Structures are given as structure tokens and as C-alpha cells.
Amino acid sequence: MYIYLGQQGNRPSLVFDLIEEFRQQGVDKVIIALVMKNKNLKVENGLLDDKTRKLVAQKVIDRMNAMEVFRNKEMRFYEIIQTQAVALANYLDGKAKAYKPYMPKW
């Protein structure tokens, strides 16, 4: 297997592309839920304060451990990410004919 390093030469661009498949469900959904639930998210000097950072981090960790059905199998979200990384590697190595992306449900 190889990793395309892109124009920068030292940045693993493929990793960033792969994780983008999961950003909305793993982080964006968490932030939107906190805002919609009217949690007291505070910003100091343009950054989240310590209490807010800890809250967001814990909620993202909770999301990573949350169960969901993926391809007719119940899995934790982080396991889905691992499964997709292996599937992409297999596709790039020629061991699979196609790569089927993760399709989230809101």
C-alpha cells in the first residue's frame, strides 16, 4: 500500500480525504447538538474556554463509541472508520474492485 503525499510532499493528504468522510458525523453533528441543546459554550480570545473544550472532547469521544448499524452490522463509530480505512487500502492495493463510501444518516 502507498499513501499519496500530495503537493506538500510531507502531508498525508489521503488521510485527510478519508477522514473527511466522517467529520460531519463525528464532530459537526456533536457541535450542532450542543448548540441546539443550548449548552453554554464559551469563547475566550477567539478560542473555546477549558470547560467548553472538555465538554466538546467528551461528546466527540462519546460519539466515537456510539453504536450504529453499518452494512447490516452493529458497530461502534470508530470501528466503522477502521473498516473504511482497511477497505480503502484494499482498493488501492488492487485487492478490491471498488471502494464504497460511508453514507451517514442524520
N, C-alpha and C. Protein backbone atom coordinates (compact mmCIF):
# COMPACT_ATOMS: atom_id res chain seq x y z
N MET A 1 0.83 -1.18 0.00
CA MET A 1 0.00 0.00 0.00
C MET A 1 0.88 1.24 0.00
N TYR A 2 0.36 2.31 -0.57
CA TYR A 2 1.08 3.57 -0.57
C TYR A 2 0.15 4.68 -0.09
N ILE A 3 0.74 5.77 0.34
CA ILE A 3 -0.04 6.94 0.72
C ILE A 3 0.41 8.09 -0.15
N TYR A 4 -0.51 8.68 -0.87
CA TYR A 4 -0.22 9.82 -1.71
C TYR A 4 0.03 11.03 -0.80
N LEU A 5 1.16 11.65 -0.95
CA LEU A 5 1.52 12.77 -0.09
C LEU A 5 1.14 14.12 -0.68
N GLY A 6 0.67 14.15 -1.90
CA GLY A 6 0.15 15.39 -2.48
C GLY A 6 1.22 16.42 -2.75
N GLN A 7 0.78 17.64 -2.99
CA GLN A 7 1.67 18.72 -3.37
C GLN A 7 2.63 19.13 -2.27
N GLN A 8 2.23 19.02 -1.03
CA GLN A 8 3.08 19.47 0.06
C GLN A 8 4.27 18.53 0.26
N GLY A 9 4.14 17.29 -0.13
CA GLY A 9 5.24 16.35 -0.02
C GLY A 9 5.41 15.74 1.36
N ASN A 10 4.91 16.39 2.38
CA ASN A 10 5.09 15.85 3.73
C ASN A 10 3.76 15.76 4.49
N ARG A 11 2.66 16.03 3.82
CA ARG A 11 1.35 15.94 4.46
C ARG A 11 0.59 14.75 3.89
N PRO A 12 0.07 13.90 4.73
CA PRO A 12 -0.66 12.72 4.25
C PRO A 12 -2.06 13.10 3.75
N SER A 13 -2.14 13.68 2.56
CA SER A 13 -3.40 14.18 2.02
C SER A 13 -4.48 13.12 1.95
N LEU A 14 -4.12 11.90 1.64
CA LEU A 14 -5.11 10.83 1.54
C LEU A 14 -5.80 10.59 2.87
N VAL A 15 -5.06 10.68 3.95
CA VAL A 15 -5.64 10.51 5.29
C VAL A 15 -6.68 11.60 5.54
N PHE A 16 -6.36 12.84 5.15
CA PHE A 16 -7.30 13.93 5.33
C PHE A 16 -8.55 13.71 4.50
N ASP A 17 -8.38 13.21 3.28
CA ASP A 17 -9.53 12.92 2.42
C ASP A 17 -10.40 11.82 3.02
N LEU A 18 -9.78 10.79 3.55
CA LEU A 18 -10.54 9.69 4.14
C LEU A 18 -11.32 10.17 5.36
N ILE A 19 -10.69 10.90 6.23
CA ILE A 19 -11.36 11.30 7.47
C ILE A 19 -12.49 12.29 7.19
N GLU A 20 -12.42 13.00 6.08
CA GLU A 20 -13.49 13.95 5.73
C GLU A 20 -14.83 13.23 5.59
N GLU A 21 -14.79 11.97 5.23
CA GLU A 21 -15.99 11.15 5.13
C GLU A 21 -16.73 11.06 6.47
N PHE A 22 -16.02 11.26 7.55
CA PHE A 22 -16.58 11.04 8.89
C PHE A 22 -16.70 12.31 9.74
N ARG A 23 -16.13 13.40 9.27
CA ARG A 23 -16.10 14.64 10.04
C ARG A 23 -17.50 15.12 10.41
N GLN A 24 -18.41 15.10 9.46
CA GLN A 24 -19.76 15.61 9.73
C GLN A 24 -20.44 14.83 10.85
N GLN A 25 -20.33 13.51 10.81
CA GLN A 25 -20.99 12.69 11.81
C GLN A 25 -20.21 12.64 13.11
N GLY A 26 -18.91 12.72 13.04
CA GLY A 26 -18.09 12.60 14.24
C GLY A 26 -17.89 13.88 15.02
N VAL A 27 -17.93 15.03 14.34
CA VAL A 27 -17.67 16.30 15.02
C VAL A 27 -18.80 17.31 14.78
N ASP A 28 -19.11 17.58 13.53
CA ASP A 28 -20.12 18.60 13.23
C ASP A 28 -21.45 18.30 13.91
N LYS A 29 -21.88 17.07 13.85
CA LYS A 29 -23.16 16.68 14.46
C LYS A 29 -23.13 16.91 15.97
N VAL A 30 -21.99 16.64 16.58
CA VAL A 30 -21.82 16.86 18.03
C VAL A 30 -21.95 18.34 18.36
N ILE A 31 -21.28 19.19 17.61
CA ILE A 31 -21.31 20.64 17.85
C ILE A 31 -22.72 21.18 17.63
N ILE A 32 -23.36 20.76 16.55
CA ILE A 32 -24.72 21.22 16.27
C ILE A 32 -25.66 20.82 17.41
N ALA A 33 -25.53 19.59 17.90
CA ALA A 33 -26.37 19.12 19.00
C ALA A 33 -26.15 19.97 20.26
N LEU A 34 -24.90 20.30 20.56
CA LEU A 34 -24.61 21.13 21.74
C LEU A 34 -25.24 22.51 21.60
N VAL A 35 -25.14 23.08 20.42
CA VAL A 35 -25.71 24.41 20.18
C VAL A 35 -27.23 24.34 20.27
N MET A 36 -27.83 23.32 19.65
CA MET A 36 -29.29 23.20 19.64
C MET A 36 -29.84 22.92 21.05
N LYS A 37 -29.06 22.25 21.88
CA LYS A 37 -29.49 21.97 23.25
C LYS A 37 -29.20 23.14 24.18
N ASN A 38 -28.73 24.24 23.57
CA ASN A 38 -28.47 25.48 24.30
C ASN A 38 -27.44 25.30 25.41
N LYS A 39 -26.42 24.47 25.15
CA LYS A 39 -25.34 24.32 26.12
C LYS A 39 -24.56 25.62 26.16
N ASN A 40 -24.01 25.93 27.28
CA ASN A 40 -23.30 27.19 27.46
C ASN A 40 -21.87 27.06 26.94
N LEU A 41 -21.69 27.24 25.62
CA LEU A 41 -20.38 27.15 25.00
C LEU A 41 -19.73 28.54 25.05
N LYS A 42 -18.56 28.59 25.65
CA LYS A 42 -17.91 29.90 25.84
C LYS A 42 -16.61 29.99 25.04
N VAL A 43 -16.35 31.20 24.56
CA VAL A 43 -15.15 31.50 23.80
C VAL A 43 -14.38 32.59 24.54
N GLU A 44 -13.05 32.37 24.66
CA GLU A 44 -12.16 33.37 25.25
C GLU A 44 -11.02 33.63 24.27
N ASN A 45 -10.83 34.87 23.92
CA ASN A 45 -9.75 35.25 22.99
C ASN A 45 -9.79 34.45 21.69
N GLY A 46 -11.00 34.21 21.20
CA GLY A 46 -11.16 33.52 19.93
C GLY A 46 -11.08 32.00 20.01
N LEU A 47 -10.91 31.45 21.23
CA LEU A 47 -10.81 30.01 21.41
C LEU A 47 -11.84 29.54 22.42
N LEU A 48 -12.23 28.28 22.32
CA LEU A 48 -13.13 27.73 23.32
C LEU A 48 -12.44 27.73 24.68
N ASP A 49 -13.18 28.05 25.74
CA ASP A 49 -12.57 28.01 27.07
C ASP A 49 -12.36 26.55 27.49
N ASP A 50 -11.64 26.35 28.58
CA ASP A 50 -11.28 24.99 29.03
C ASP A 50 -12.49 24.10 29.26
N LYS A 51 -13.48 24.62 29.95
CA LYS A 51 -14.68 23.83 30.25
C LYS A 51 -15.39 23.41 28.96
N THR A 52 -15.50 24.32 28.02
CA THR A 52 -16.16 24.03 26.74
C THR A 52 -15.35 23.01 25.94
N ARG A 53 -14.03 23.17 25.92
CA ARG A 53 -13.18 22.21 25.20
C ARG A 53 -13.34 20.81 25.77
N LYS A 54 -13.37 20.71 27.09
CA LYS A 54 -13.54 19.40 27.73
C LYS A 54 -14.90 18.80 27.39
N LEU A 55 -15.93 19.61 27.39
CA LEU A 55 -17.27 19.15 27.04
C LEU A 55 -17.31 18.64 25.60
N VAL A 56 -16.77 19.44 24.68
CA VAL A 56 -16.77 19.04 23.27
C VAL A 56 -15.95 17.76 23.08
N ALA A 57 -14.78 17.69 23.69
CA ALA A 57 -13.93 16.50 23.57
C ALA A 57 -14.65 15.26 24.08
N GLN A 58 -15.31 15.37 25.24
CA GLN A 58 -16.03 14.23 25.79
C GLN A 58 -17.18 13.80 24.89
N LYS A 59 -17.88 14.76 24.32
CA LYS A 59 -19.00 14.44 23.43
C LYS A 59 -18.51 13.79 22.13
N VAL A 60 -17.36 14.22 21.63
CA VAL A 60 -16.79 13.58 20.43
C VAL A 60 -16.36 12.15 20.77
N ILE A 61 -15.74 11.96 21.92
CA ILE A 61 -15.35 10.60 22.36
C ILE A 61 -16.60 9.73 22.50
N ASP A 62 -17.65 10.29 23.10
CA ASP A 62 -18.90 9.54 23.22
C ASP A 62 -19.43 9.14 21.85
N ARG A 63 -19.33 10.06 20.89
CA ARG A 63 -19.80 9.77 19.52
C ARG A 63 -18.96 8.66 18.90
N MET A 64 -17.65 8.69 19.11
CA MET A 64 -16.78 7.65 18.55
C MET A 64 -17.15 6.26 19.09
N ASN A 65 -17.64 6.22 20.32
CA ASN A 65 -18.01 4.95 20.95
C ASN A 65 -19.47 4.57 20.73
N ALA A 66 -20.24 5.44 20.10
CA ALA A 66 -21.66 5.17 19.88
C ALA A 66 -21.83 4.05 18.85
N MET A 67 -22.86 3.26 19.07
CA MET A 67 -23.17 2.15 18.17
C MET A 67 -24.09 2.63 17.05
N GLU A 68 -23.87 2.08 15.87
CA GLU A 68 -24.79 2.31 14.76
C GLU A 68 -24.72 1.12 13.82
N VAL A 69 -25.73 0.99 13.01
CA VAL A 69 -25.76 -0.11 12.05
C VAL A 69 -25.03 0.34 10.79
N PHE A 70 -24.06 -0.46 10.38
CA PHE A 70 -23.27 -0.18 9.19
C PHE A 70 -23.19 -1.47 8.39
N ARG A 71 -23.76 -1.42 7.20
CA ARG A 71 -23.78 -2.61 6.33
C ARG A 71 -24.35 -3.83 7.06
N ASN A 72 -25.50 -3.60 7.67
CA ASN A 72 -26.26 -4.64 8.37
C ASN A 72 -25.54 -5.23 9.58
N LYS A 73 -24.62 -4.48 10.14
CA LYS A 73 -23.87 -4.96 11.30
C LYS A 73 -23.79 -3.81 12.31
N GLU A 74 -24.03 -4.11 13.58
CA GLU A 74 -23.92 -3.08 14.60
C GLU A 74 -22.45 -2.90 14.98
N MET A 75 -21.98 -1.65 14.87
CA MET A 75 -20.58 -1.35 15.13
C MET A 75 -20.48 -0.02 15.84
N ARG A 76 -19.36 0.17 16.54
CA ARG A 76 -19.05 1.49 17.11
C ARG A 76 -18.56 2.37 15.96
N PHE A 77 -18.75 3.68 16.11
CA PHE A 77 -18.39 4.60 15.04
C PHE A 77 -16.89 4.50 14.69
N TYR A 78 -16.04 4.37 15.70
CA TYR A 78 -14.60 4.26 15.42
C TYR A 78 -14.29 2.97 14.66
N GLU A 79 -15.07 1.92 14.86
CA GLU A 79 -14.87 0.67 14.12
C GLU A 79 -15.26 0.84 12.65
N ILE A 80 -16.26 1.66 12.42
CA ILE A 80 -16.65 1.95 11.03
C ILE A 80 -15.51 2.68 10.32
N ILE A 81 -14.89 3.63 11.01
CA ILE A 81 -13.76 4.37 10.43
C ILE A 81 -12.62 3.39 10.11
N GLN A 82 -12.31 2.49 11.04
CA GLN A 82 -11.26 1.50 10.81
C GLN A 82 -11.61 0.59 9.63
N THR A 83 -12.86 0.17 9.57
CA THR A 83 -13.31 -0.70 8.47
C THR A 83 -13.15 0.00 7.12
N GLN A 84 -13.50 1.27 7.08
CA GLN A 84 -13.37 2.02 5.84
C GLN A 84 -11.91 2.25 5.45
N ALA A 85 -11.05 2.46 6.43
CA ALA A 85 -9.62 2.62 6.13
C ALA A 85 -9.06 1.35 5.52
N VAL A 86 -9.43 0.21 6.05
CA VAL A 86 -8.99 -1.08 5.50
C VAL A 86 -9.56 -1.27 4.10
N ALA A 87 -10.83 -0.92 3.91
CA ALA A 87 -11.46 -1.06 2.60
C ALA A 87 -10.76 -0.19 1.56
N LEU A 88 -10.39 1.03 1.94
CA LEU A 88 -9.68 1.91 1.01
C LEU A 88 -8.30 1.35 0.69
N ALA A 89 -7.59 0.87 1.70
CA ALA A 89 -6.27 0.27 1.47
C ALA A 89 -6.38 -0.92 0.53
N ASN A 90 -7.39 -1.76 0.73
CA ASN A 90 -7.58 -2.92 -0.14
C ASN A 90 -7.87 -2.50 -1.58
N TYR A 91 -8.65 -1.45 -1.73
CA TYR A 91 -8.94 -0.94 -3.07
C TYR A 91 -7.65 -0.42 -3.73
N LEU A 92 -6.88 0.36 -3.00
CA LEU A 92 -5.64 0.92 -3.56
C LEU A 92 -4.61 -0.15 -3.87
N ASP A 93 -4.62 -1.23 -3.10
CA ASP A 93 -3.70 -2.34 -3.34
C ASP A 93 -4.18 -3.28 -4.44
N GLY A 94 -5.37 -3.02 -4.96
CA GLY A 94 -5.93 -3.87 -6.01
C GLY A 94 -6.60 -5.13 -5.48
N LYS A 95 -6.81 -5.21 -4.18
CA LYS A 95 -7.45 -6.38 -3.58
C LYS A 95 -8.98 -6.28 -3.61
N ALA A 96 -9.49 -5.12 -3.92
CA ALA A 96 -10.94 -4.90 -4.03
C ALA A 96 -11.21 -4.14 -5.32
N LYS A 97 -12.34 -4.41 -5.93
CA LYS A 97 -12.67 -3.77 -7.21
C LYS A 97 -13.23 -2.36 -7.06
N ALA A 98 -13.75 -2.06 -5.87
CA ALA A 98 -14.35 -0.74 -5.66
C ALA A 98 -14.24 -0.35 -4.19
N TYR A 99 -14.43 0.92 -3.96
CA TYR A 99 -14.48 1.44 -2.59
C TYR A 99 -15.87 2.04 -2.41
N LYS A 100 -16.61 1.54 -1.45
CA LYS A 100 -17.95 2.04 -1.17
C LYS A 100 -17.87 2.99 0.02
N PRO A 101 -18.19 4.28 -0.18
CA PRO A 101 -18.05 5.25 0.91
C PRO A 101 -19.08 5.05 2.02
N TYR A 102 -18.76 5.59 3.16
CA TYR A 102 -19.68 5.63 4.30
C TYR A 102 -20.75 6.66 3.99
N MET A 103 -21.99 6.26 4.11
CA MET A 103 -23.11 7.16 3.85
C MET A 103 -23.86 7.38 5.16
N PRO A 104 -23.64 8.51 5.81
CA PRO A 104 -24.25 8.76 7.11
C PRO A 104 -25.74 9.02 7.04
N LYS A 105 -26.38 8.78 8.16
CA LYS A 105 -27.80 9.10 8.32
C LYS A 105 -27.88 10.20 9.38
N TRP A 106 -28.61 11.23 9.11
CA TRP A 106 -28.78 12.31 10.07
C TRP A 106 -30.00 12.02 10.87
